């Protein structure tokens, strides 16, 4: 099923993506693999070697933070809207 992935500007500049990329994926991990097929190295920015989401990357599916769900195994509904957000820290 198709999902619309909103790519943050930092990743857009690294991989020369569009602001929104449409991929066929049924989980968050499949979305990362689909983007990696187009933009080699993309998956490593989102997933740990064991396939789980990296701690410093926020992924929201239809407005819900998937870190509080099954993370990379989170299922995607048809026409899901996914936002990738880098964590911001400061003091």
N, C-alpha and C. Protein backbone atom coordinates (compact mmCIF):
# COMPACT_ATOMS: atom_id res chain seq x y z
N UNK A 1 0.83 -1.18 0.00
CA UNK A 1 0.00 0.00 0.00
C UNK A 1 0.87 1.24 0.00
N UNK A 2 0.37 2.29 -0.54
CA UNK A 2 1.14 3.52 -0.68
C UNK A 2 1.13 4.32 0.61
N UNK A 3 2.28 4.91 0.91
CA UNK A 3 2.42 5.81 2.06
C UNK A 3 3.16 7.06 1.60
N UNK A 4 2.76 8.20 2.14
CA UNK A 4 3.42 9.46 1.84
C UNK A 4 4.37 9.77 2.98
N UNK A 5 5.66 9.91 2.66
CA UNK A 5 6.68 10.14 3.68
C UNK A 5 7.18 11.57 3.57
N UNK A 6 7.04 12.32 4.65
CA UNK A 6 7.51 13.70 4.72
C UNK A 6 8.96 13.66 5.19
N UNK A 7 9.87 14.09 4.32
CA UNK A 7 11.30 14.00 4.58
C UNK A 7 11.81 15.34 5.13
N UNK A 8 12.53 15.33 6.27
CA UNK A 8 13.05 16.60 6.79
C UNK A 8 14.14 17.17 5.89
N UNK A 9 14.32 18.47 5.96
CA UNK A 9 15.24 19.16 5.05
C UNK A 9 16.67 18.62 5.13
N UNK A 10 17.14 18.24 6.31
CA UNK A 10 18.49 17.72 6.43
C UNK A 10 18.68 16.45 5.59
N UNK A 11 17.72 15.55 5.66
CA UNK A 11 17.80 14.32 4.86
C UNK A 11 17.58 14.62 3.38
N UNK A 12 16.71 15.58 3.07
CA UNK A 12 16.50 15.94 1.67
C UNK A 12 17.79 16.42 1.04
N UNK A 13 18.55 17.22 1.78
CA UNK A 13 19.80 17.73 1.21
C UNK A 13 20.85 16.63 1.08
N UNK A 14 20.87 15.68 2.00
CA UNK A 14 21.83 14.57 1.92
C UNK A 14 21.55 13.62 0.75
N UNK A 15 20.26 13.34 0.54
CA UNK A 15 19.88 12.32 -0.44
C UNK A 15 19.19 12.88 -1.68
N UNK A 16 18.99 14.18 -1.72
CA UNK A 16 18.35 14.83 -2.86
C UNK A 16 16.95 14.25 -3.13
N UNK A 17 16.17 14.13 -2.06
CA UNK A 17 14.80 13.64 -2.18
C UNK A 17 13.86 14.82 -2.40
N UNK A 18 12.63 14.50 -2.67
CA UNK A 18 11.57 15.49 -2.70
C UNK A 18 11.09 15.70 -1.26
N UNK A 19 10.38 16.78 -0.97
CA UNK A 19 9.85 16.97 0.39
C UNK A 19 8.93 15.82 0.82
N UNK A 20 8.20 15.26 -0.13
CA UNK A 20 7.33 14.12 0.14
C UNK A 20 7.65 13.05 -0.89
N UNK A 21 7.96 11.86 -0.39
CA UNK A 21 8.20 10.70 -1.25
C UNK A 21 7.08 9.70 -1.02
N UNK A 22 6.58 9.10 -2.08
CA UNK A 22 5.54 8.08 -1.97
C UNK A 22 6.20 6.72 -2.15
N UNK A 23 5.96 5.82 -1.18
CA UNK A 23 6.54 4.48 -1.24
C UNK A 23 5.46 3.44 -0.99
N UNK A 24 5.72 2.24 -1.45
CA UNK A 24 4.86 1.10 -1.16
C UNK A 24 5.45 0.40 0.05
N UNK A 25 4.69 0.34 1.15
CA UNK A 25 5.19 -0.28 2.37
C UNK A 25 4.02 -0.61 3.29
N UNK A 26 4.14 -1.71 4.04
CA UNK A 26 3.09 -2.06 4.99
C UNK A 26 3.55 -1.88 6.44
N UNK A 27 4.84 -1.57 6.66
CA UNK A 27 5.35 -1.27 8.00
C UNK A 27 6.34 -0.11 7.89
N UNK A 28 6.70 0.43 9.03
CA UNK A 28 7.69 1.51 9.07
C UNK A 28 9.03 0.99 8.56
N UNK A 29 9.40 -0.23 8.95
CA UNK A 29 10.67 -0.81 8.47
C UNK A 29 10.66 -0.96 6.95
N UNK A 30 9.56 -1.41 6.37
CA UNK A 30 9.47 -1.52 4.91
C UNK A 30 9.59 -0.16 4.25
N UNK A 31 9.05 0.88 4.89
CA UNK A 31 9.18 2.23 4.37
C UNK A 31 10.65 2.62 4.32
N UNK A 32 11.40 2.32 5.38
CA UNK A 32 12.83 2.64 5.42
C UNK A 32 13.58 1.88 4.33
N UNK A 33 13.24 0.62 4.11
CA UNK A 33 13.89 -0.17 3.06
C UNK A 33 13.54 0.35 1.67
N UNK A 34 12.28 0.77 1.48
CA UNK A 34 11.87 1.30 0.17
C UNK A 34 12.61 2.59 -0.14
N UNK A 35 12.77 3.45 0.86
CA UNK A 35 13.52 4.69 0.64
C UNK A 35 15.00 4.38 0.40
N UNK A 36 15.52 3.36 1.08
CA UNK A 36 16.92 2.98 0.89
C UNK A 36 17.17 2.45 -0.52
N UNK A 37 16.18 1.79 -1.10
CA UNK A 37 16.33 1.28 -2.47
C UNK A 37 16.49 2.44 -3.46
N UNK A 38 15.83 3.55 -3.20
CA UNK A 38 15.94 4.74 -4.05
C UNK A 38 17.15 5.59 -3.70
N UNK A 39 17.42 5.68 -2.40
CA UNK A 39 18.46 6.57 -1.87
C UNK A 39 19.37 5.75 -0.95
N UNK A 40 20.35 5.05 -1.52
CA UNK A 40 21.21 4.17 -0.71
C UNK A 40 21.80 4.89 0.51
N UNK A 41 21.71 4.22 1.64
CA UNK A 41 22.19 4.77 2.90
C UNK A 41 21.08 5.35 3.76
N UNK A 42 19.90 5.54 3.19
CA UNK A 42 18.79 6.16 3.92
C UNK A 42 18.36 5.30 5.11
N UNK A 43 18.27 4.00 4.92
CA UNK A 43 17.82 3.09 5.98
C UNK A 43 18.67 3.23 7.24
N UNK A 44 20.00 3.34 7.06
CA UNK A 44 20.89 3.44 8.20
C UNK A 44 20.66 4.70 9.02
N UNK A 45 20.08 5.73 8.41
CA UNK A 45 19.74 6.95 9.14
C UNK A 45 18.55 6.74 10.06
N UNK A 46 17.67 5.78 9.72
CA UNK A 46 16.45 5.56 10.49
C UNK A 46 16.50 4.35 11.40
N UNK A 47 17.16 3.28 10.95
CA UNK A 47 17.12 2.00 11.68
C UNK A 47 18.48 1.59 12.21
N UNK A 48 18.46 0.97 13.39
CA UNK A 48 19.66 0.34 13.96
C UNK A 48 19.96 -0.92 13.15
N UNK A 49 21.16 -1.49 13.29
CA UNK A 49 21.47 -2.73 12.57
C UNK A 49 20.49 -3.87 12.86
N UNK A 50 19.88 -3.87 14.07
CA UNK A 50 18.92 -4.93 14.41
C UNK A 50 17.53 -4.65 13.84
N UNK A 51 17.36 -3.52 13.13
CA UNK A 51 16.09 -3.22 12.49
C UNK A 51 15.16 -2.33 13.30
N UNK A 52 15.53 -1.98 14.53
CA UNK A 52 14.70 -1.11 15.35
C UNK A 52 15.00 0.35 15.01
N UNK A 53 14.05 1.23 15.31
CA UNK A 53 14.25 2.66 15.06
C UNK A 53 15.38 3.20 15.91
N UNK A 54 16.15 4.10 15.35
CA UNK A 54 17.20 4.78 16.11
C UNK A 54 16.53 5.69 17.14
N UNK A 55 17.16 5.81 18.30
CA UNK A 55 16.58 6.59 19.40
C UNK A 55 16.40 8.06 19.06
N UNK A 56 17.29 8.61 18.26
CA UNK A 56 17.26 10.05 18.00
C UNK A 56 16.40 10.44 16.80
N UNK A 57 15.68 9.51 16.24
CA UNK A 57 14.81 9.81 15.09
C UNK A 57 13.36 9.59 15.50
N UNK A 58 12.56 10.62 15.35
CA UNK A 58 11.14 10.49 15.61
C UNK A 58 10.42 10.12 14.32
N UNK A 59 9.55 9.15 14.39
CA UNK A 59 8.73 8.78 13.24
C UNK A 59 7.28 8.81 13.70
N UNK A 60 6.49 9.61 13.00
CA UNK A 60 5.08 9.76 13.31
C UNK A 60 4.26 9.22 12.15
N UNK A 61 3.29 8.38 12.46
CA UNK A 61 2.39 7.83 11.44
C UNK A 61 1.00 8.36 11.74
N UNK A 62 0.47 9.11 10.79
CA UNK A 62 -0.84 9.74 10.96
C UNK A 62 -0.92 10.50 12.29
N UNK A 63 0.18 11.19 12.65
CA UNK A 63 0.20 12.01 13.85
C UNK A 63 0.57 11.29 15.13
N UNK A 64 0.74 9.97 15.09
CA UNK A 64 1.06 9.20 16.29
C UNK A 64 2.54 8.82 16.29
N UNK A 65 3.21 9.04 17.41
CA UNK A 65 4.62 8.69 17.57
C UNK A 65 4.74 7.18 17.67
N UNK A 66 5.41 6.54 16.71
CA UNK A 66 5.48 5.07 16.69
C UNK A 66 6.44 4.51 17.73
N UNK A 67 7.22 5.38 18.39
CA UNK A 67 8.10 4.88 19.45
C UNK A 67 7.29 4.33 20.62
N UNK A 68 6.03 4.72 20.74
CA UNK A 68 5.18 4.23 21.82
C UNK A 68 4.36 3.03 21.37
N UNK A 69 4.59 2.58 20.16
CA UNK A 69 3.89 1.42 19.63
C UNK A 69 4.91 0.31 19.41
N UNK A 70 4.80 -0.38 18.30
CA UNK A 70 5.71 -1.49 17.99
C UNK A 70 6.93 -1.01 17.21
N UNK A 71 7.17 0.29 17.20
CA UNK A 71 8.31 0.89 16.53
C UNK A 71 8.39 0.52 15.05
N UNK A 72 9.52 -0.06 14.62
CA UNK A 72 9.74 -0.31 13.19
C UNK A 72 8.74 -1.30 12.62
N UNK A 73 8.18 -2.14 13.46
CA UNK A 73 7.19 -3.10 12.99
C UNK A 73 5.79 -2.54 12.92
N UNK A 74 5.65 -1.25 13.21
CA UNK A 74 4.33 -0.63 13.20
C UNK A 74 3.69 -0.75 11.82
N UNK A 75 2.48 -1.26 11.80
CA UNK A 75 1.76 -1.43 10.55
C UNK A 75 1.29 -0.08 10.01
N UNK A 76 1.28 0.03 8.70
CA UNK A 76 0.81 1.24 8.04
C UNK A 76 -0.54 0.97 7.40
N UNK A 77 -1.45 1.90 7.55
CA UNK A 77 -2.74 1.83 6.86
C UNK A 77 -2.57 2.34 5.45
N UNK A 78 -3.53 2.05 4.61
CA UNK A 78 -3.50 2.59 3.25
C UNK A 78 -3.46 4.12 3.32
N UNK A 79 -2.67 4.71 2.46
CA UNK A 79 -2.53 6.16 2.38
C UNK A 79 -2.01 6.80 3.67
N UNK A 80 -1.16 6.08 4.39
CA UNK A 80 -0.59 6.61 5.63
C UNK A 80 0.26 7.84 5.34
N UNK A 81 0.25 8.77 6.28
CA UNK A 81 1.10 9.96 6.24
C UNK A 81 2.18 9.75 7.29
N UNK A 82 3.44 9.77 6.87
CA UNK A 82 4.56 9.52 7.78
C UNK A 82 5.45 10.76 7.81
N UNK A 83 5.80 11.19 9.01
CA UNK A 83 6.72 12.31 9.19
C UNK A 83 7.96 11.78 9.89
N UNK A 84 9.12 12.06 9.32
CA UNK A 84 10.40 11.74 9.95
C UNK A 84 10.90 13.03 10.58
N UNK A 85 11.19 12.99 11.89
CA UNK A 85 11.59 14.18 12.63
C UNK A 85 12.83 13.87 13.44
N UNK A 86 13.88 14.62 13.23
CA UNK A 86 15.08 14.47 14.05
C UNK A 86 14.84 15.07 15.42
N UNK A 87 15.36 14.41 16.47
CA UNK A 87 15.22 14.96 17.82
C UNK A 87 16.06 16.22 17.96
N UNK A 88 15.57 17.14 18.77
CA UNK A 88 16.26 18.39 19.04
C UNK A 88 16.54 18.44 20.54
N UNK A 89 17.76 18.76 20.89
CA UNK A 89 18.12 18.86 22.30
C UNK A 89 18.83 20.18 22.54
N UNK A 90 18.79 20.59 23.73
CA UNK A 90 19.48 21.84 24.06
C UNK A 90 19.39 22.11 25.53
N UNK A 91 20.00 23.17 25.94
CA UNK A 91 19.98 23.47 27.36
C UNK A 91 19.59 24.88 27.64
